[in-house]
Amino acid sequence: MTEIPDGAKTQLQKGQASNEARLDLIEQRMDEVGELAQRLAALEAITGLADTPPTFMNSTNGRILIAAVLIAFLAFIGWEASDIISLTP
């Protein structure tokens, strides 16, 4: 866009501009708004990915709880500690 000196009124501000000039200005501003909307959507997507909490299966507490329940179940059905230890690599 062209620089306008301070205090000077343009034809658009005076209301003397043609309809084509007004439409061009509106189209330029719409393009700028569209670009800003795309940037905002990208930033929201990036921050949304960073803010998502881990699922229960991917959290440390969830894995420990699942392992404890599995070991308790195997002990309940009669497995001994040596059988459970043999499962680990």
PDB file of N, CA and C in Angstrom:
ATOM      1  N   MET A   1       0.830  -1.167   0.000  1.00  0.00           N
ATOM      2  CA  MET A   1       0.000   0.000   0.000  1.00  0.00           C
ATOM      3  C   MET A   1       0.883   1.241   0.000  1.00  0.00           C
ATOM      4  N   THR A   2       0.353   2.292  -0.513  1.00  0.00           N
ATOM      5  CA  THR A   2       1.106   3.536  -0.586  1.00  0.00           C
ATOM      6  C   THR A   2       1.034   4.268   0.750  1.00  0.00           C
ATOM      7  N   GLU A   3       2.116   4.957   1.070  1.00  0.00           N
ATOM      8  CA  GLU A   3       2.175   5.732   2.308  1.00  0.00           C
ATOM      9  C   GLU A   3       1.392   7.031   2.144  1.00  0.00           C
ATOM     10  N   ILE A   4       0.623   7.370   3.137  1.00  0.00           N
ATOM     11  CA  ILE A   4      -0.169   8.594   3.122  1.00  0.00           C
ATOM     12  C   ILE A   4       0.385   9.492   4.222  1.00  0.00           C
ATOM     13  N   PRO A   5       0.712  10.727   3.895  1.00  0.00           N
ATOM     14  CA  PRO A   5       1.239  11.629   4.929  1.00  0.00           C
ATOM     15  C   PRO A   5       0.206  11.890   6.018  1.00  0.00           C
ATOM     16  N   ASP A   6       0.719  12.122   7.231  1.00  0.00           N
ATOM     17  CA  ASP A   6      -0.178  12.395   8.353  1.00  0.00           C
ATOM     18  C   ASP A   6      -1.008  13.648   8.089  1.00  0.00           C
ATOM     19  N   GLY A   7      -2.245  13.594   8.445  1.00  0.00           N
ATOM     20  CA  GLY A   7      -3.123  14.742   8.304  1.00  0.00           C
ATOM     21  C   GLY A   7      -3.779  14.857   6.936  1.00  0.00           C
ATOM     22  N   ALA A   8      -3.320  14.102   5.962  1.00  0.00           N
ATOM     23  CA  ALA A   8      -3.903  14.184   4.620  1.00  0.00           C
ATOM     24  C   ALA A   8      -5.076  13.220   4.537  1.00  0.00           C
ATOM     25  N   LYS A   9      -6.140  13.653   3.939  1.00  0.00           N
ATOM     26  CA  LYS A   9      -7.309  12.788   3.754  1.00  0.00           C
ATOM     27  C   LYS A   9      -7.288  12.246   2.336  1.00  0.00           C
ATOM     28  N   THR A  10      -7.550  10.977   2.232  1.00  0.00           N
ATOM     29  CA  THR A  10      -7.604  10.355   0.917  1.00  0.00           C
ATOM     30  C   THR A  10      -8.997  10.523   0.333  1.00  0.00           C
ATOM     31  N   GLN A  11      -9.116  10.159  -0.908  1.00  0.00           N
ATOM     32  CA  GLN A  11     -10.433  10.234  -1.539  1.00  0.00           C
ATOM     33  C   GLN A  11     -11.414   9.260  -0.892  1.00  0.00           C
ATOM     34  N   LEU A  12     -10.869   8.118  -0.425  1.00  0.00           N
ATOM     35  CA  LEU A  12     -11.748   7.164   0.254  1.00  0.00           C
ATOM     36  C   LEU A  12     -12.307   7.770   1.537  1.00  0.00           C
ATOM     37  N   GLN A  13     -11.444   8.470   2.298  1.00  0.00           N
ATOM     38  CA  GLN A  13     -11.912   9.070   3.535  1.00  0.00           C
ATOM     39  C   GLN A  13     -12.890  10.207   3.278  1.00  0.00           C
ATOM     40  N   LYS A  14     -12.720  10.908   2.187  1.00  0.00           N
ATOM     41  CA  LYS A  14     -13.626  12.008   1.848  1.00  0.00           C
ATOM     42  C   LYS A  14     -14.931  11.507   1.244  1.00  0.00           C
ATOM     43  N   GLY A  15     -14.936  10.251   0.828  1.00  0.00           N
ATOM     44  CA  GLY A  15     -16.126   9.699   0.192  1.00  0.00           C
ATOM     45  C   GLY A  15     -16.203  10.014  -1.279  1.00  0.00           C
ATOM     46  N   GLN A  16     -15.081  10.395  -1.870  1.00  0.00           N
ATOM     47  CA  GLN A  16     -15.087  10.774  -3.274  1.00  0.00           C
ATOM     48  C   GLN A  16     -14.490   9.677  -4.170  1.00  0.00           C
ATOM     49  N   ALA A  17     -14.115   8.569  -3.615  1.00  0.00           N
ATOM     50  CA  ALA A  17     -13.492   7.517  -4.414  1.00  0.00           C
ATOM     51  C   ALA A  17     -14.548   6.775  -5.228  1.00  0.00           C
ATOM     52  N   SER A  18     -14.081   6.180  -6.290  1.00  0.00           N
ATOM     53  CA  SER A  18     -15.001   5.424  -7.146  1.00  0.00           C
ATOM     54  C   SER A  18     -15.348   4.094  -6.481  1.00  0.00           C
ATOM     55  N   ASN A  19     -16.394   3.487  -6.996  1.00  0.00           N
ATOM     56  CA  ASN A  19     -16.803   2.188  -6.466  1.00  0.00           C
ATOM     57  C   ASN A  19     -15.734   1.128  -6.682  1.00  0.00           C
ATOM     58  N   GLU A  20     -15.005   1.187  -7.810  1.00  0.00           N
ATOM     59  CA  GLU A  20     -13.953   0.206  -8.069  1.00  0.00           C
ATOM     60  C   GLU A  20     -12.838   0.314  -7.025  1.00  0.00           C
ATOM     61  N   ALA A  21     -12.475   1.570  -6.651  1.00  0.00           N
ATOM     62  CA  ALA A  21     -11.431   1.763  -5.641  1.00  0.00           C
ATOM     63  C   ALA A  21     -11.881   1.217  -4.300  1.00  0.00           C
ATOM     64  N   ARG A  22     -13.131   1.410  -3.979  1.00  0.00           N
ATOM     65  CA  ARG A  22     -13.645   0.882  -2.715  1.00  0.00           C
ATOM     66  C   ARG A  22     -13.672  -0.642  -2.719  1.00  0.00           C
ATOM     67  N   LEU A  23     -14.089  -1.213  -3.829  1.00  0.00           N
ATOM     68  CA  LEU A  23     -14.096  -2.680  -3.934  1.00  0.00           C
ATOM     69  C   LEU A  23     -12.687  -3.247  -3.853  1.00  0.00           C
ATOM     70  N   ASP A  24     -11.719  -2.575  -4.498  1.00  0.00           N
ATOM     71  CA  ASP A  24     -10.329  -3.031  -4.416  1.00  0.00           C
ATOM     72  C   ASP A  24      -9.833  -3.009  -2.980  1.00  0.00           C
ATOM     73  N   LEU A  25     -10.153  -1.962  -2.261  1.00  0.00           N
ATOM     74  CA  LEU A  25      -9.732  -1.862  -0.868  1.00  0.00           C
ATOM     75  C   LEU A  25     -10.372  -2.960  -0.025  1.00  0.00           C
ATOM     76  N   ILE A  26     -11.641  -3.222  -0.267  1.00  0.00           N
ATOM     77  CA  ILE A  26     -12.338  -4.278   0.471  1.00  0.00           C
ATOM     78  C   ILE A  26     -11.717  -5.637   0.160  1.00  0.00           C
ATOM     79  N   GLU A  27     -11.388  -5.898  -1.097  1.00  0.00           N
ATOM     80  CA  GLU A  27     -10.765  -7.165  -1.473  1.00  0.00           C
ATOM     81  C   GLU A  27      -9.397  -7.325  -0.817  1.00  0.00           C
ATOM     82  N   GLN A  28      -8.621  -6.236  -0.758  1.00  0.00           N
ATOM     83  CA  GLN A  28      -7.318  -6.300  -0.102  1.00  0.00           C
ATOM     84  C   GLN A  28      -7.476  -6.639   1.374  1.00  0.00           C
ATOM     85  N   ARG A  29      -8.421  -6.007   1.998  1.00  0.00           N
ATOM     86  CA  ARG A  29      -8.635  -6.266   3.426  1.00  0.00           C
ATOM     87  C   ARG A  29      -9.160  -7.677   3.659  1.00  0.00           C
ATOM     88  N   MET A  30      -9.984  -8.185   2.778  1.00  0.00           N
ATOM     89  CA  MET A  30     -10.486  -9.553   2.907  1.00  0.00           C
ATOM     90  C   MET A  30      -9.344 -10.559   2.770  1.00  0.00           C
ATOM     91  N   ASP A  31      -8.411 -10.281   1.839  1.00  0.00           N
ATOM     92  CA  ASP A  31      -7.251 -11.155   1.689  1.00  0.00           C
ATOM     93  C   ASP A  31      -6.409 -11.159   2.958  1.00  0.00           C
ATOM     94  N   GLU A  32      -6.215  -9.970   3.549  1.00  0.00           N
ATOM     95  CA  GLU A  32      -5.454  -9.868   4.787  1.00  0.00           C
ATOM     96  C   GLU A  32      -6.147 -10.627   5.914  1.00  0.00           C
ATOM     97  N   VAL A  33      -7.463 -10.503   5.982  1.00  0.00           N
ATOM     98  CA  VAL A  33      -8.226 -11.209   7.018  1.00  0.00           C
ATOM     99  C   VAL A  33      -8.119 -12.723   6.807  1.00  0.00           C
ATOM    100  N   GLY A  34      -8.168 -13.169   5.550  1.00  0.00           N
ATOM    101  CA  GLY A  34      -8.040 -14.600   5.269  1.00  0.00           C
ATOM    102  C   GLY A  34      -6.677 -15.131   5.669  1.00  0.00           C
ATOM    103  N   GLU A  35      -5.628 -14.367   5.401  1.00  0.00           N
ATOM    104  CA  GLU A  35      -4.286 -14.795   5.800  1.00  0.00           C
ATOM    105  C   GLU A  35      -4.161 -14.849   7.316  1.00  0.00           C
ATOM    106  N   LEU A  36      -4.718 -13.861   7.992  1.00  0.00           N
ATOM    107  CA  LEU A  36      -4.669 -13.861   9.455  1.00  0.00           C
ATOM    108  C   LEU A  36      -5.469 -15.026  10.033  1.00  0.00           C
ATOM    109  N   ALA A  37      -6.581 -15.355   9.415  1.00  0.00           N
ATOM    110  CA  ALA A  37      -7.382 -16.491   9.889  1.00  0.00           C
ATOM    111  C   ALA A  37      -6.615 -17.798   9.733  1.00  0.00           C
ATOM    112  N   GLN A  38      -5.877 -17.943   8.628  1.00  0.00           N
ATOM    113  CA  GLN A  38      -5.067 -19.140   8.436  1.00  0.00           C
ATOM    114  C   GLN A  38      -3.954 -19.225   9.473  1.00  0.00           C
ATOM    115  N   ARG A  39      -3.312 -18.101   9.749  1.00  0.00           N
ATOM    116  CA  ARG A  39      -2.261 -18.087  10.778  1.00  0.00           C
ATOM    117  C   ARG A  39      -2.834 -18.449  12.138  1.00  0.00           C
ATOM    118  N   LEU A  40      -3.991 -17.886  12.455  1.00  0.00           N
ATOM    119  CA  LEU A  40      -4.620 -18.170  13.735  1.00  0.00           C
ATOM    120  C   LEU A  40      -4.993 -19.644  13.854  1.00  0.00           C
ATOM    121  N   ALA A  41      -5.514 -20.220  12.784  1.00  0.00           N
ATOM    122  CA  ALA A  41      -5.873 -21.644  12.804  1.00  0.00           C
ATOM    123  C   ALA A  41      -4.634 -22.512  12.999  1.00  0.00           C
ATOM    124  N   ALA A  42      -3.529 -22.130  12.349  1.00  0.00           N
ATOM    125  CA  ALA A  42      -2.291 -22.901  12.508  1.00  0.00           C
ATOM    126  C   ALA A  42      -1.774 -22.804  13.937  1.00  0.00           C
ATOM    127  N   LEU A  43      -1.820 -21.607  14.520  1.00  0.00           N
ATOM    128  CA  LEU A  43      -1.367 -21.457  15.903  1.00  0.00           C
ATOM    129  C   LEU A  43      -2.257 -22.221  16.870  1.00  0.00           C
ATOM    130  N   GLU A  44      -3.555 -22.207  16.622  1.00  0.00           N
ATOM    131  CA  GLU A  44      -4.464 -22.961  17.481  1.00  0.00           C
ATOM    132  C   GLU A  44      -4.195 -24.460  17.378  1.00  0.00           C
ATOM    133  N   ALA A  45      -3.887 -24.921  16.172  1.00  0.00           N
ATOM    134  CA  ALA A  45      -3.590 -26.341  16.001  1.00  0.00           C
ATOM    135  C   ALA A  45      -2.302 -26.717  16.721  1.00  0.00           C
ATOM    136  N   ILE A  46      -1.300 -25.862  16.625  1.00  0.00           N
ATOM    137  CA  ILE A  46      -0.024 -26.158  17.290  1.00  0.00           C
ATOM    138  C   ILE A  46      -0.201 -26.173  18.804  1.00  0.00           C
ATOM    139  N   THR A  47      -0.855 -25.169  19.343  1.00  0.00           N
ATOM    140  CA  THR A  47      -1.041 -25.133  20.794  1.00  0.00           C
ATOM    141  C   THR A  47      -2.001 -26.218  21.251  1.00  0.00           C
ATOM    142  N   GLY A  48      -2.943 -26.581  20.420  1.00  0.00           N
ATOM    143  CA  GLY A  48      -3.852 -27.665  20.779  1.00  0.00           C
ATOM    144  C   GLY A  48      -3.130 -28.989  20.892  1.00  0.00           C
ATOM    145  N   LEU A  49      -2.165 -29.230  20.019  1.00  0.00           N
ATOM    146  CA  LEU A  49      -1.390 -30.462  20.102  1.00  0.00           C
ATOM    147  C   LEU A  49      -0.523 -30.485  21.345  1.00  0.00           C
ATOM    148  N   ALA A  50       0.015 -29.347  21.725  1.00  0.00           N
ATOM    149  CA  ALA A  50       0.892 -29.286  22.886  1.00  0.00           C
ATOM    150  C   ALA A  50       0.108 -29.411  24.189  1.00  0.00           C
ATOM    151  N   ASP A  51      -1.151 -29.009  24.199  1.00  0.00           N
ATOM    152  CA  ASP A  51      -1.931 -28.996  25.431  1.00  0.00           C
ATOM    153  C   ASP A  51      -2.731 -30.261  25.677  1.00  0.00           C
ATOM    154  N   THR A  52      -2.737 -31.191  24.753  1.00  0.00           N
ATOM    155  CA  THR A  52      -3.544 -32.388  24.954  1.00  0.00           C
ATOM    156  C   THR A  52      -2.896 -33.278  26.014  1.00  0.00           C
ATOM    157  N   PRO A  53      -3.651 -33.673  27.009  1.00  0.00           N
ATOM    158  CA  PRO A  53      -3.088 -34.534  28.047  1.00  0.00           C
ATOM    159  C   PRO A  53      -2.908 -35.953  27.515  1.00  0.00           C
ATOM    160  N   PRO A  54      -1.987 -36.707  28.079  1.00  0.00           N
ATOM    161  CA  PRO A  54      -1.813 -38.085  27.626  1.00  0.00           C
ATOM    162  C   PRO A  54      -3.029 -38.924  28.000  1.00  0.00           C
ATOM    163  N   THR A  55      -3.285 -39.928  27.210  1.00  0.00           N
ATOM    164  CA  THR A  55      -4.393 -40.822  27.533  1.00  0.00           C
ATOM    165  C   THR A  55      -4.006 -41.693  28.713  1.00  0.00           C
ATOM    166  N   PHE A  56      -4.970 -42.372  29.268  1.00  0.00           N
ATOM    167  CA  PHE A  56      -4.703 -43.198  30.452  1.00  0.00           C
ATOM    168  C   PHE A  56      -3.677 -44.288  30.156  1.00  0.00           C
ATOM    169  N   MET A  57      -3.764 -44.889  28.974  1.00  0.00           N
ATOM    170  CA  MET A  57      -2.833 -45.968  28.632  1.00  0.00           C
ATOM    171  C   MET A  57      -1.410 -45.449  28.427  1.00  0.00           C
ATOM    172  N   ASN A  58      -1.246 -44.168  28.049  1.00  0.00           N
ATOM    173  CA  ASN A  58       0.083 -43.618  27.809  1.00  0.00           C
ATOM    174  C   ASN A  58       0.659 -42.897  29.014  1.00  0.00           C
ATOM    175  N   SER A  59      -0.086 -42.786  30.096  1.00  0.00           N
ATOM    176  CA  SER A  59       0.438 -42.124  31.283  1.00  0.00           C
ATOM    177  C   SER A  59       1.178 -43.138  32.153  1.00  0.00           C
ATOM    178  N   THR A  60       2.074 -42.630  32.973  1.00  0.00           N
ATOM    179  CA  THR A  60       2.857 -43.515  33.854  1.00  0.00           C
ATOM    180  C   THR A  60       1.951 -44.187  34.866  1.00  0.00           C
ATOM    181  N   ASN A  61       1.046 -43.447  35.443  1.00  0.00           N
ATOM    182  CA  ASN A  61       0.141 -44.038  36.438  1.00  0.00           C
ATOM    183  C   ASN A  61      -0.735 -45.123  35.814  1.00  0.00           C
ATOM    184  N   GLY A  62      -1.169 -44.902  34.601  1.00  0.00           N
ATOM    185  CA  GLY A  62      -2.000 -45.904  33.938  1.00  0.00           C
ATOM    186  C   GLY A  62      -1.249 -47.195  33.686  1.00  0.00           C
ATOM    187  N   ARG A  63      -0.004 -47.091  33.239  1.00  0.00           N
ATOM    188  CA  ARG A  63       0.788 -48.303  32.988  1.00  0.00           C
ATOM    189  C   ARG A  63       1.070 -49.058  34.281  1.00  0.00           C
ATOM    190  N   ILE A  64       1.383 -48.318  35.352  1.00  0.00           N
ATOM    191  CA  ILE A  64       1.647 -48.971  36.633  1.00  0.00           C
ATOM    192  C   ILE A  64       0.392 -49.665  37.140  1.00  0.00           C
ATOM    193  N   LEU A  65      -0.747 -49.016  37.028  1.00  0.00           N
ATOM    194  CA  LEU A  65      -1.998 -49.617  37.484  1.00  0.00           C
ATOM    195  C   LEU A  65      -2.340 -50.866  36.680  1.00  0.00           C
ATOM    196  N   ILE A  66      -2.153 -50.828  35.378  1.00  0.00           N
ATOM    197  CA  ILE A  66      -2.436 -51.992  34.534  1.00  0.00           C
ATOM    198  C   ILE A  66      -1.497 -53.144  34.887  1.00  0.00           C
ATOM    199  N   ALA A  67      -0.223 -52.835  35.085  1.00  0.00           N
ATOM    200  CA  ALA A  67       0.732 -53.882  35.465  1.00  0.00           C
ATOM    201  C   ALA A  67       0.374 -54.477  36.822  1.00  0.00           C
ATOM    202  N   ALA A  68      -0.036 -53.651  37.789  1.00  0.00           N
ATOM    203  CA  ALA A  68      -0.400 -54.145  39.109  1.00  0.00           C
ATOM    204  C   ALA A  68      -1.629 -55.042  39.044  1.00  0.00           C
ATOM    205  N   VAL A  69      -2.612 -54.640  38.242  1.00  0.00           N
ATOM    206  CA  VAL A  69      -3.822 -55.463  38.101  1.00  0.00           C
ATOM    207  C   VAL A  69      -3.486 -56.789  37.427  1.00  0.00           C
ATOM    208  N   LEU A  70      -2.620 -56.765  36.422  1.00  0.00           N
ATOM    209  CA  LEU A  70      -2.231 -58.003  35.745  1.00  0.00           C
ATOM    210  C   LEU A  70      -1.481 -58.937  36.689  1.00  0.00           C
ATOM    211  N   ILE A  71      -0.563 -58.394  37.470  1.00  0.00           N
ATOM    212  CA  ILE A  71       0.191 -59.231  38.418  1.00  0.00           C
ATOM    213  C   ILE A  71      -0.746 -59.789  39.489  1.00  0.00           C
ATOM    214  N   ALA A  72      -1.677 -58.988  39.976  1.00  0.00           N
ATOM    215  CA  ALA A  72      -2.631 -59.477  40.980  1.00  0.00           C
ATOM    216  C   ALA A  72      -3.511 -60.582  40.398  1.00  0.00           C
ATOM    217  N   PHE A  73      -3.919 -60.420  39.154  1.00  0.00           N
ATOM    218  CA  PHE A  73      -4.735 -61.459  38.518  1.00  0.00           C
ATOM    219  C   PHE A  73      -3.948 -62.757  38.356  1.00  0.00           C
ATOM    220  N   LEU A  74      -2.694 -62.639  37.879  1.00  0.00           N
ATOM    221  CA  LEU A  74      -1.880 -63.851  37.715  1.00  0.00           C
ATOM    222  C   LEU A  74      -1.606 -64.520  39.054  1.00  0.00           C
ATOM    223  N   ALA A  75      -1.409 -63.746  40.099  1.00  0.00           N
ATOM    224  CA  ALA A  75      -1.219 -64.322  41.435  1.00  0.00           C
ATOM    225  C   ALA A  75      -2.508 -64.987  41.921  1.00  0.00           C
ATOM    226  N   PHE A  76      -3.625 -64.405  41.595  1.00  0.00           N
ATOM    227  CA  PHE A  76      -4.905 -64.968  42.009  1.00  0.00           C
ATOM    228  C   PHE A  76      -5.157 -66.328  41.362  1.00  0.00           C
ATOM    229  N   ILE A  77      -4.745 -66.499  40.097  1.00  0.00           N
ATOM    230  CA  ILE A  77      -5.001 -67.776  39.428  1.00  0.00           C
ATOM    231  C   ILE A  77      -3.905 -68.804  39.721  1.00  0.00           C
ATOM    232  N   GLY A  78      -2.957 -68.457  40.593  1.00  0.00           N
ATOM    233  CA  GLY A  78      -2.013 -69.450  41.055  1.00  0.00           C
ATOM    234  C   GLY A  78      -0.604 -69.332  40.513  1.00  0.00           C
ATOM    235  N   TRP A  79      -0.299 -68.326  39.791  1.00  0.00           N
ATOM    236  CA  TRP A  79       1.074 -68.171  39.316  1.00  0.00           C
ATOM    237  C   TRP A  79       1.950 -67.734  40.480  1.00  0.00           C
ATOM    238  N   GLU A  80       3.169 -68.215  40.481  1.00  0.00           N
ATOM    239  CA  GLU A  80       4.118 -67.815  41.511  1.00  0.00           C
ATOM    240  C   GLU A  80       4.989 -66.691  40.974  1.00  0.00           C
ATOM    241  N   ALA A  81       5.805 -66.117  41.853  1.00  0.00           N
ATOM    242  CA  ALA A  81       6.673 -65.002  41.462  1.00  0.00           C
ATOM    243  C   ALA A  81       7.662 -65.432  40.389  1.00  0.00           C
ATOM    244  N   SER A  82       8.167 -66.671  40.459  1.00  0.00           N
ATOM    245  CA  SER A  82       9.139 -67.119  39.450  1.00  0.00           C
ATOM    246  C   SER A  82       8.491 -67.205  38.073  1.00  0.00           C
ATOM    247  N   ASP A  83       7.204 -67.570  37.999  1.00  0.00           N
ATOM    248  CA  ASP A  83       6.516 -67.597  36.697  1.00  0.00           C
ATOM    249  C   ASP A  83       6.334 -66.178  36.135  1.00  0.00           C
ATOM    250  N   ILE A  84       6.019 -65.243  37.014  1.00  0.00           N
ATOM    251  CA  ILE A  84       5.833 -63.857  36.574  1.00  0.00           C
ATOM    252  C   ILE A  84       7.161 -63.250  36.142  1.00  0.00           C
ATOM    253  N   ILE A  85       8.228 -63.545  36.896  1.00  0.00           N
ATOM    254  CA  ILE A  85       9.559 -63.010  36.556  1.00  0.00           C
ATOM    255  C   ILE A  85      10.037 -63.581  35.220  1.00  0.00           C
ATOM    256  N   SER A  86       9.676 -64.797  34.911  1.00  0.00           N
ATOM    257  CA  SER A  86      10.113 -65.402  33.645  1.00  0.00           C
ATOM    258  C   SER A  86       9.462 -64.715  32.429  1.00  0.00           C
ATOM    259  N   LEU A  87       8.390 -63.985  32.636  1.00  0.00           N
ATOM    260  CA  LEU A  87       7.749 -63.267  31.535  1.00  0.00           C
ATOM    261  C   LEU A  87       8.538 -62.032  31.118  1.00  0.00           C
ATOM    262  N   THR A  88       9.305 -61.459  32.034  1.00  0.00           N
ATOM    263  CA  THR A  88      10.046 -60.234  31.705  1.00  0.00           C
ATOM    264  C   THR A  88      11.322 -60.578  30.968  1.00  0.00           C
ATOM    265  N   PRO A  89      11.698 -59.765  29.990  1.00  0.00           N
ATOM    266  CA  PRO A  89      12.907 -60.081  29.211  1.00  0.00           C
ATOM    267  C   PRO A  89      14.191 -59.801  29.970  1.00  0.00           C
TER     268      PRO A  89
END
